[in-house]
Amino acid sequence: MAKDVLYYRGELPPTHDKYHTVIKGKLFILFERNQAAILPGHDKVIRDKAVDFLVKAVRALGPDNYNLNVLGMASATGSRDYNRDLAGQRAYNSDMCAIRHFEKLPKTDIPSPRFFGTTSRAWMPAFCTSGRTNSNRRR
């Protein structure tokens, strides 16, 4: 059975730019409205923050197979189905980007684990990044 990275007690320091924010140790990738593509800025954040965190977790937890759980979110600017699918695409793209970067690392000083990506989709009607209210959102 695979270990979960969540068992690692490390934390990311608070940081923020147009591509990400870290709140209470949790990394949030900030996408353009209605987009799920990983931009070069997202790629750098995932490589520098998420993958660094994974390396520290693997060093602390030891060699094994790991689950990497990523939660995707979307605002209330589209229909429920559209937002659910967008959230899933964002989670999947972020998850695969982190796994690809981790697998490219030379494994000279860290164990050689296998990561299995698990993504979740959450429709978050409380987030309305465009300034629209639920009464005038696109359907």
N, C-alpha and C. Protein backbone atom coordinates (compact mmCIF):
# COMPACT_ATOMS: atom_id res chain seq x y z
N MET A 1 0.85 -1.19 0.00
CA MET A 1 0.00 0.00 0.00
C MET A 1 0.89 1.24 0.00
N ALA A 2 0.50 2.22 -0.77
CA ALA A 2 1.29 3.44 -0.92
C ALA A 2 1.16 4.35 0.29
N LYS A 3 2.25 5.03 0.61
CA LYS A 3 2.22 6.03 1.67
C LYS A 3 1.62 7.32 1.13
N ASP A 4 1.14 8.14 2.02
CA ASP A 4 0.59 9.44 1.61
C ASP A 4 1.55 10.53 2.04
N VAL A 5 1.85 11.46 1.14
CA VAL A 5 2.76 12.57 1.43
C VAL A 5 2.23 13.41 2.60
N LEU A 6 0.94 13.35 2.85
CA LEU A 6 0.35 14.14 3.94
C LEU A 6 0.91 13.78 5.31
N TYR A 7 1.53 12.59 5.43
CA TYR A 7 2.11 12.20 6.71
C TYR A 7 3.39 12.97 7.04
N TYR A 8 3.96 13.61 6.05
CA TYR A 8 5.16 14.42 6.28
C TYR A 8 4.75 15.70 6.98
N ARG A 9 5.44 16.06 8.04
CA ARG A 9 5.07 17.21 8.86
C ARG A 9 5.69 18.53 8.41
N GLY A 10 6.41 18.52 7.31
CA GLY A 10 7.01 19.75 6.81
C GLY A 10 5.95 20.74 6.34
N GLU A 11 6.35 21.98 6.21
CA GLU A 11 5.42 23.01 5.80
C GLU A 11 6.10 24.00 4.87
N LEU A 12 5.35 24.52 3.94
CA LEU A 12 5.87 25.56 3.05
C LEU A 12 5.75 26.92 3.71
N PRO A 13 6.76 27.76 3.59
CA PRO A 13 6.65 29.11 4.17
C PRO A 13 5.68 29.96 3.36
N PRO A 14 5.04 30.94 3.99
CA PRO A 14 4.09 31.80 3.26
C PRO A 14 4.79 32.61 2.17
N THR A 15 4.28 32.51 0.95
CA THR A 15 4.76 33.29 -0.19
C THR A 15 3.57 33.58 -1.10
N HIS A 16 3.76 34.51 -2.03
CA HIS A 16 2.67 34.86 -2.93
C HIS A 16 3.23 35.57 -4.17
N ASP A 17 2.70 35.23 -5.32
CA ASP A 17 2.92 35.99 -6.55
C ASP A 17 1.71 35.75 -7.44
N LYS A 18 1.78 36.15 -8.70
CA LYS A 18 0.60 36.02 -9.55
C LYS A 18 0.28 34.58 -9.94
N TYR A 19 1.20 33.65 -9.69
CA TYR A 19 0.99 32.24 -10.05
C TYR A 19 0.66 31.34 -8.86
N HIS A 20 0.89 31.81 -7.65
CA HIS A 20 0.65 30.95 -6.50
C HIS A 20 0.48 31.78 -5.23
N THR A 21 -0.01 31.11 -4.21
CA THR A 21 0.03 31.65 -2.86
C THR A 21 0.15 30.46 -1.92
N VAL A 22 0.82 30.66 -0.80
CA VAL A 22 0.92 29.64 0.23
C VAL A 22 0.23 30.19 1.47
N ILE A 23 -0.79 29.49 1.91
CA ILE A 23 -1.55 29.88 3.10
C ILE A 23 -1.54 28.71 4.07
N LYS A 24 -1.08 28.97 5.28
CA LYS A 24 -1.00 27.94 6.33
C LYS A 24 -0.34 26.66 5.81
N GLY A 25 0.75 26.82 5.07
CA GLY A 25 1.52 25.68 4.58
C GLY A 25 0.95 24.99 3.37
N LYS A 26 -0.18 25.45 2.85
CA LYS A 26 -0.82 24.82 1.69
C LYS A 26 -0.53 25.65 0.44
N LEU A 27 -0.14 24.98 -0.64
CA LEU A 27 0.18 25.65 -1.90
C LEU A 27 -1.07 25.72 -2.77
N PHE A 28 -1.39 26.92 -3.22
CA PHE A 28 -2.50 27.15 -4.14
C PHE A 28 -1.91 27.68 -5.45
N ILE A 29 -2.17 26.98 -6.55
CA ILE A 29 -1.75 27.44 -7.86
C ILE A 29 -2.88 28.32 -8.40
N LEU A 30 -2.55 29.54 -8.81
CA LEU A 30 -3.54 30.50 -9.27
C LEU A 30 -3.59 30.50 -10.80
N PHE A 31 -4.70 30.03 -11.34
CA PHE A 31 -4.87 29.93 -12.78
C PHE A 31 -5.61 31.15 -13.32
N GLU A 32 -5.42 31.39 -14.62
CA GLU A 32 -6.20 32.41 -15.30
C GLU A 32 -7.66 31.95 -15.32
N ARG A 33 -8.56 32.91 -15.41
CA ARG A 33 -9.99 32.60 -15.41
C ARG A 33 -10.33 31.63 -16.55
N ASN A 34 -11.04 30.57 -16.20
CA ASN A 34 -11.50 29.53 -17.13
C ASN A 34 -10.35 28.80 -17.85
N GLN A 35 -9.18 28.76 -17.25
CA GLN A 35 -8.02 28.09 -17.83
C GLN A 35 -7.50 27.01 -16.89
N ALA A 36 -6.92 25.96 -17.47
CA ALA A 36 -6.31 24.90 -16.68
C ALA A 36 -4.87 24.63 -17.11
N ALA A 37 -4.39 25.36 -18.11
CA ALA A 37 -3.04 25.13 -18.63
C ALA A 37 -1.98 25.56 -17.62
N ILE A 38 -0.93 24.75 -17.53
CA ILE A 38 0.21 25.09 -16.68
C ILE A 38 1.10 26.05 -17.48
N LEU A 39 1.19 27.28 -17.01
CA LEU A 39 2.02 28.29 -17.65
C LEU A 39 3.45 28.19 -17.12
N PRO A 40 4.42 28.82 -17.78
CA PRO A 40 5.80 28.76 -17.28
C PRO A 40 5.93 29.21 -15.81
N GLY A 41 5.17 30.20 -15.40
CA GLY A 41 5.21 30.63 -13.99
C GLY A 41 4.70 29.55 -13.04
N HIS A 42 3.64 28.83 -13.45
CA HIS A 42 3.13 27.71 -12.64
C HIS A 42 4.18 26.61 -12.56
N ASP A 43 4.78 26.31 -13.72
CA ASP A 43 5.78 25.26 -13.78
C ASP A 43 6.93 25.53 -12.81
N LYS A 44 7.38 26.78 -12.77
CA LYS A 44 8.47 27.16 -11.86
C LYS A 44 8.06 27.00 -10.41
N VAL A 45 6.85 27.43 -10.07
CA VAL A 45 6.36 27.30 -8.69
C VAL A 45 6.27 25.82 -8.30
N ILE A 46 5.71 25.01 -9.18
CA ILE A 46 5.58 23.58 -8.88
C ILE A 46 6.95 22.95 -8.72
N ARG A 47 7.88 23.28 -9.61
CA ARG A 47 9.24 22.72 -9.54
C ARG A 47 9.95 23.18 -8.26
N ASP A 48 9.89 24.49 -7.96
CA ASP A 48 10.65 25.04 -6.84
C ASP A 48 10.02 24.77 -5.48
N LYS A 49 8.70 24.74 -5.41
CA LYS A 49 8.04 24.59 -4.11
C LYS A 49 7.50 23.18 -3.89
N ALA A 50 6.65 22.71 -4.80
CA ALA A 50 6.02 21.41 -4.60
C ALA A 50 7.03 20.27 -4.68
N VAL A 51 7.89 20.30 -5.69
CA VAL A 51 8.85 19.20 -5.85
C VAL A 51 9.88 19.23 -4.73
N ASP A 52 10.32 20.41 -4.31
CA ASP A 52 11.23 20.50 -3.17
C ASP A 52 10.58 19.90 -1.92
N PHE A 53 9.29 20.18 -1.73
CA PHE A 53 8.55 19.60 -0.61
C PHE A 53 8.50 18.07 -0.72
N LEU A 54 8.26 17.56 -1.93
CA LEU A 54 8.21 16.11 -2.13
C LEU A 54 9.55 15.45 -1.82
N VAL A 55 10.63 16.08 -2.24
CA VAL A 55 11.97 15.53 -1.95
C VAL A 55 12.18 15.45 -0.44
N LYS A 56 11.83 16.50 0.28
CA LYS A 56 11.98 16.49 1.75
C LYS A 56 11.09 15.43 2.38
N ALA A 57 9.88 15.27 1.87
CA ALA A 57 8.96 14.26 2.40
C ALA A 57 9.51 12.85 2.19
N VAL A 58 10.02 12.58 1.00
CA VAL A 58 10.55 11.24 0.70
C VAL A 58 11.78 10.95 1.54
N ARG A 59 12.63 11.95 1.72
CA ARG A 59 13.79 11.76 2.59
C ARG A 59 13.36 11.41 4.01
N ALA A 60 12.34 12.09 4.51
CA ALA A 60 11.88 11.87 5.88
C ALA A 60 11.10 10.56 6.03
N LEU A 61 10.29 10.21 5.05
CA LEU A 61 9.41 9.05 5.17
C LEU A 61 10.02 7.75 4.63
N GLY A 62 11.09 7.87 3.83
CA GLY A 62 11.76 6.67 3.34
C GLY A 62 11.21 6.18 2.02
N PRO A 63 11.92 5.22 1.42
CA PRO A 63 11.52 4.71 0.10
C PRO A 63 10.20 3.94 0.18
N ASP A 64 9.38 4.12 -0.82
CA ASP A 64 8.10 3.43 -0.92
C ASP A 64 7.38 3.96 -2.14
N ASN A 65 6.16 3.57 -2.32
CA ASN A 65 5.26 4.18 -3.29
C ASN A 65 4.46 5.22 -2.53
N TYR A 66 4.14 6.33 -3.19
CA TYR A 66 3.45 7.44 -2.54
C TYR A 66 2.23 7.87 -3.32
N ASN A 67 1.22 8.31 -2.58
CA ASN A 67 0.07 8.97 -3.18
C ASN A 67 0.30 10.47 -3.09
N LEU A 68 0.09 11.16 -4.19
CA LEU A 68 0.16 12.61 -4.21
C LEU A 68 -1.26 13.10 -4.51
N ASN A 69 -1.93 13.65 -3.53
CA ASN A 69 -3.31 14.09 -3.67
C ASN A 69 -3.36 15.58 -3.97
N VAL A 70 -4.03 15.93 -5.05
CA VAL A 70 -4.17 17.32 -5.45
C VAL A 70 -5.65 17.63 -5.59
N LEU A 71 -6.07 18.71 -4.97
CA LEU A 71 -7.46 19.16 -5.04
C LEU A 71 -7.55 20.31 -6.02
N GLY A 72 -8.40 20.19 -7.01
CA GLY A 72 -8.62 21.27 -7.98
C GLY A 72 -9.86 22.06 -7.59
N MET A 73 -9.80 23.37 -7.79
CA MET A 73 -10.94 24.23 -7.49
C MET A 73 -11.20 25.16 -8.66
N ALA A 74 -12.44 25.60 -8.76
CA ALA A 74 -12.83 26.58 -9.78
C ALA A 74 -13.85 27.52 -9.15
N SER A 75 -13.92 28.70 -9.70
CA SER A 75 -14.86 29.70 -9.18
C SER A 75 -16.26 29.45 -9.73
N ALA A 76 -17.17 30.31 -9.38
CA ALA A 76 -18.56 30.16 -9.80
C ALA A 76 -18.85 30.95 -11.07
N THR A 77 -17.92 30.97 -12.03
CA THR A 77 -18.13 31.75 -13.25
C THR A 77 -18.75 30.93 -14.37
N GLY A 78 -18.96 29.66 -14.18
CA GLY A 78 -19.55 28.81 -15.21
C GLY A 78 -20.60 27.91 -14.60
N SER A 79 -21.10 26.99 -15.39
CA SER A 79 -22.09 26.04 -14.87
C SER A 79 -21.41 25.08 -13.89
N ARG A 80 -22.20 24.41 -13.13
CA ARG A 80 -21.66 23.45 -12.14
C ARG A 80 -20.80 22.40 -12.83
N ASP A 81 -21.29 21.83 -13.92
CA ASP A 81 -20.52 20.79 -14.63
C ASP A 81 -19.23 21.35 -15.21
N TYR A 82 -19.30 22.54 -15.79
CA TYR A 82 -18.11 23.17 -16.35
C TYR A 82 -17.07 23.40 -15.25
N ASN A 83 -17.49 23.95 -14.12
CA ASN A 83 -16.56 24.24 -13.02
C ASN A 83 -15.97 22.96 -12.45
N ARG A 84 -16.78 21.91 -12.35
CA ARG A 84 -16.28 20.62 -11.84
C ARG A 84 -15.21 20.08 -12.78
N ASP A 85 -15.47 20.14 -14.09
CA ASP A 85 -14.50 19.65 -15.06
C ASP A 85 -13.23 20.51 -15.07
N LEU A 86 -13.38 21.81 -14.98
CA LEU A 86 -12.24 22.72 -14.93
C LEU A 86 -11.38 22.44 -13.70
N ALA A 87 -12.02 22.23 -12.56
CA ALA A 87 -11.29 21.92 -11.33
C ALA A 87 -10.51 20.62 -11.49
N GLY A 88 -11.13 19.63 -12.12
CA GLY A 88 -10.44 18.35 -12.35
C GLY A 88 -9.25 18.50 -13.28
N GLN A 89 -9.39 19.31 -14.33
CA GLN A 89 -8.28 19.54 -15.25
C GLN A 89 -7.13 20.25 -14.55
N ARG A 90 -7.45 21.24 -13.72
CA ARG A 90 -6.41 21.96 -12.98
C ARG A 90 -5.66 21.03 -12.03
N ALA A 91 -6.39 20.20 -11.33
CA ALA A 91 -5.76 19.25 -10.40
C ALA A 91 -4.87 18.27 -11.16
N TYR A 92 -5.39 17.71 -12.23
CA TYR A 92 -4.62 16.73 -13.00
C TYR A 92 -3.35 17.35 -13.58
N ASN A 93 -3.47 18.52 -14.19
CA ASN A 93 -2.30 19.16 -14.79
C ASN A 93 -1.24 19.50 -13.74
N SER A 94 -1.66 19.98 -12.59
CA SER A 94 -0.71 20.31 -11.51
C SER A 94 -0.05 19.05 -10.98
N ASP A 95 -0.83 18.01 -10.78
CA ASP A 95 -0.35 16.72 -10.28
C ASP A 95 0.70 16.13 -11.22
N MET A 96 0.38 16.07 -12.50
CA MET A 96 1.30 15.48 -13.47
C MET A 96 2.57 16.32 -13.63
N CYS A 97 2.45 17.63 -13.54
CA CYS A 97 3.62 18.50 -13.62
C CYS A 97 4.57 18.20 -12.47
N ALA A 98 4.04 18.08 -11.25
CA ALA A 98 4.88 17.79 -10.09
C ALA A 98 5.54 16.42 -10.21
N ILE A 99 4.78 15.44 -10.63
CA ILE A 99 5.34 14.09 -10.77
C ILE A 99 6.42 14.07 -11.85
N ARG A 100 6.18 14.72 -12.97
CA ARG A 100 7.21 14.76 -14.04
C ARG A 100 8.50 15.41 -13.55
N HIS A 101 8.37 16.52 -12.85
CA HIS A 101 9.58 17.19 -12.34
C HIS A 101 10.29 16.32 -11.31
N PHE A 102 9.56 15.66 -10.45
CA PHE A 102 10.18 14.80 -9.44
C PHE A 102 10.92 13.65 -10.12
N GLU A 103 10.30 13.04 -11.12
CA GLU A 103 10.92 11.90 -11.79
C GLU A 103 12.17 12.28 -12.58
N LYS A 104 12.31 13.54 -12.97
CA LYS A 104 13.50 14.01 -13.70
C LYS A 104 14.71 14.20 -12.78
N LEU A 105 14.48 14.32 -11.47
CA LEU A 105 15.58 14.59 -10.54
C LEU A 105 16.56 13.43 -10.49
N PRO A 106 17.84 13.72 -10.35
CA PRO A 106 18.80 12.63 -10.11
C PRO A 106 18.54 12.05 -8.73
N LYS A 107 18.48 10.75 -8.64
CA LYS A 107 18.12 10.09 -7.37
C LYS A 107 19.35 9.63 -6.59
N THR A 108 20.40 10.45 -6.60
CA THR A 108 21.63 10.05 -5.92
C THR A 108 21.51 10.14 -4.40
N ASP A 109 20.78 11.13 -3.90
CA ASP A 109 20.72 11.30 -2.44
C ASP A 109 19.31 11.15 -1.88
N ILE A 110 18.36 10.72 -2.72
CA ILE A 110 17.01 10.47 -2.23
C ILE A 110 16.57 9.09 -2.68
N PRO A 111 15.71 8.45 -1.90
CA PRO A 111 15.19 7.13 -2.32
C PRO A 111 14.45 7.27 -3.66
N SER A 112 14.24 6.17 -4.32
CA SER A 112 13.56 6.18 -5.62
C SER A 112 12.12 5.68 -5.46
N PRO A 113 11.22 6.57 -5.04
CA PRO A 113 9.83 6.15 -4.88
C PRO A 113 9.08 6.24 -6.20
N ARG A 114 7.88 5.71 -6.22
CA ARG A 114 6.96 5.93 -7.33
C ARG A 114 5.81 6.75 -6.78
N PHE A 115 5.40 7.77 -7.53
CA PHE A 115 4.26 8.59 -7.14
C PHE A 115 3.06 8.21 -7.99
N PHE A 116 1.94 8.11 -7.32
CA PHE A 116 0.67 7.89 -7.98
C PHE A 116 -0.18 9.12 -7.74
N GLY A 117 -0.61 9.76 -8.81
CA GLY A 117 -1.41 10.97 -8.67
C GLY A 117 -2.86 10.66 -8.40
N THR A 118 -3.43 11.37 -7.45
CA THR A 118 -4.85 11.28 -7.15
C THR A 118 -5.38 12.69 -7.16
N THR A 119 -6.37 12.94 -7.98
CA THR A 119 -6.91 14.28 -8.05
C THR A 119 -8.36 14.29 -7.61
N SER A 120 -8.77 15.41 -7.06
CA SER A 120 -10.15 15.61 -6.64
C SER A 120 -10.63 16.91 -7.23
N ARG A 121 -11.93 16.99 -7.44
CA ARG A 121 -12.51 18.21 -7.98
C ARG A 121 -13.46 18.78 -6.95
N ALA A 122 -13.37 20.06 -6.76
CA ALA A 122 -14.28 20.73 -5.84
C ALA A 122 -14.86 21.94 -6.53
N TRP A 123 -16.15 22.06 -6.54
CA TRP A 123 -16.79 23.26 -7.07
C TRP A 123 -16.97 24.19 -5.90
N MET A 124 -16.38 25.37 -6.00
CA MET A 124 -16.36 26.29 -4.87
C MET A 124 -17.19 27.53 -5.20
N PRO A 125 -18.49 27.53 -4.93
CA PRO A 125 -19.30 28.69 -5.31
C PRO A 125 -18.95 29.95 -4.52
N ALA A 126 -18.25 29.82 -3.42
CA ALA A 126 -17.88 30.99 -2.62
C ALA A 126 -16.81 31.82 -3.32
N PHE A 127 -16.03 31.21 -4.22
CA PHE A 127 -14.99 31.93 -4.93
C PHE A 127 -15.58 32.48 -6.21
N CYS A 128 -15.59 33.75 -6.37
CA CYS A 128 -16.10 34.37 -7.59
C CYS A 128 -15.06 35.38 -8.04
N THR A 129 -14.04 34.91 -8.72
CA THR A 129 -12.88 35.73 -9.04
C THR A 129 -13.17 36.83 -10.03
N SER A 130 -14.24 36.71 -10.80
CA SER A 130 -14.51 37.72 -11.82
C SER A 130 -15.33 38.88 -11.29
N GLY A 131 -15.79 38.81 -10.05
CA GLY A 131 -16.62 39.86 -9.49
C GLY A 131 -18.09 39.67 -9.76
N ARG A 132 -18.44 38.61 -10.49
CA ARG A 132 -19.84 38.34 -10.76
C ARG A 132 -20.50 37.72 -9.53
N THR A 133 -21.76 37.92 -9.41
CA THR A 133 -22.52 37.25 -8.35
C THR A 133 -23.19 36.03 -8.94
N ASN A 134 -23.71 35.16 -8.09
CA ASN A 134 -24.37 33.96 -8.58
C ASN A 134 -25.58 34.30 -9.47
N SER A 135 -26.21 35.43 -9.26
CA SER A 135 -27.41 35.76 -10.03
C SER A 135 -27.08 36.16 -11.47
N ASN A 136 -25.85 36.61 -11.75
CA ASN A 136 -25.55 37.00 -13.13
C ASN A 136 -24.40 36.19 -13.73
N ARG A 137 -24.10 35.04 -13.15
CA ARG A 137 -23.03 34.22 -13.70
C ARG A 137 -23.47 33.52 -14.98
N ARG A 138 -22.50 33.17 -15.77
CA ARG A 138 -22.74 32.47 -17.03
C ARG A 138 -23.26 31.08 -16.77
N ARG A 139 -24.19 30.62 -17.55
CA ARG A 139 -24.76 29.27 -17.36
C ARG A 139 -24.31 28.37 -18.48
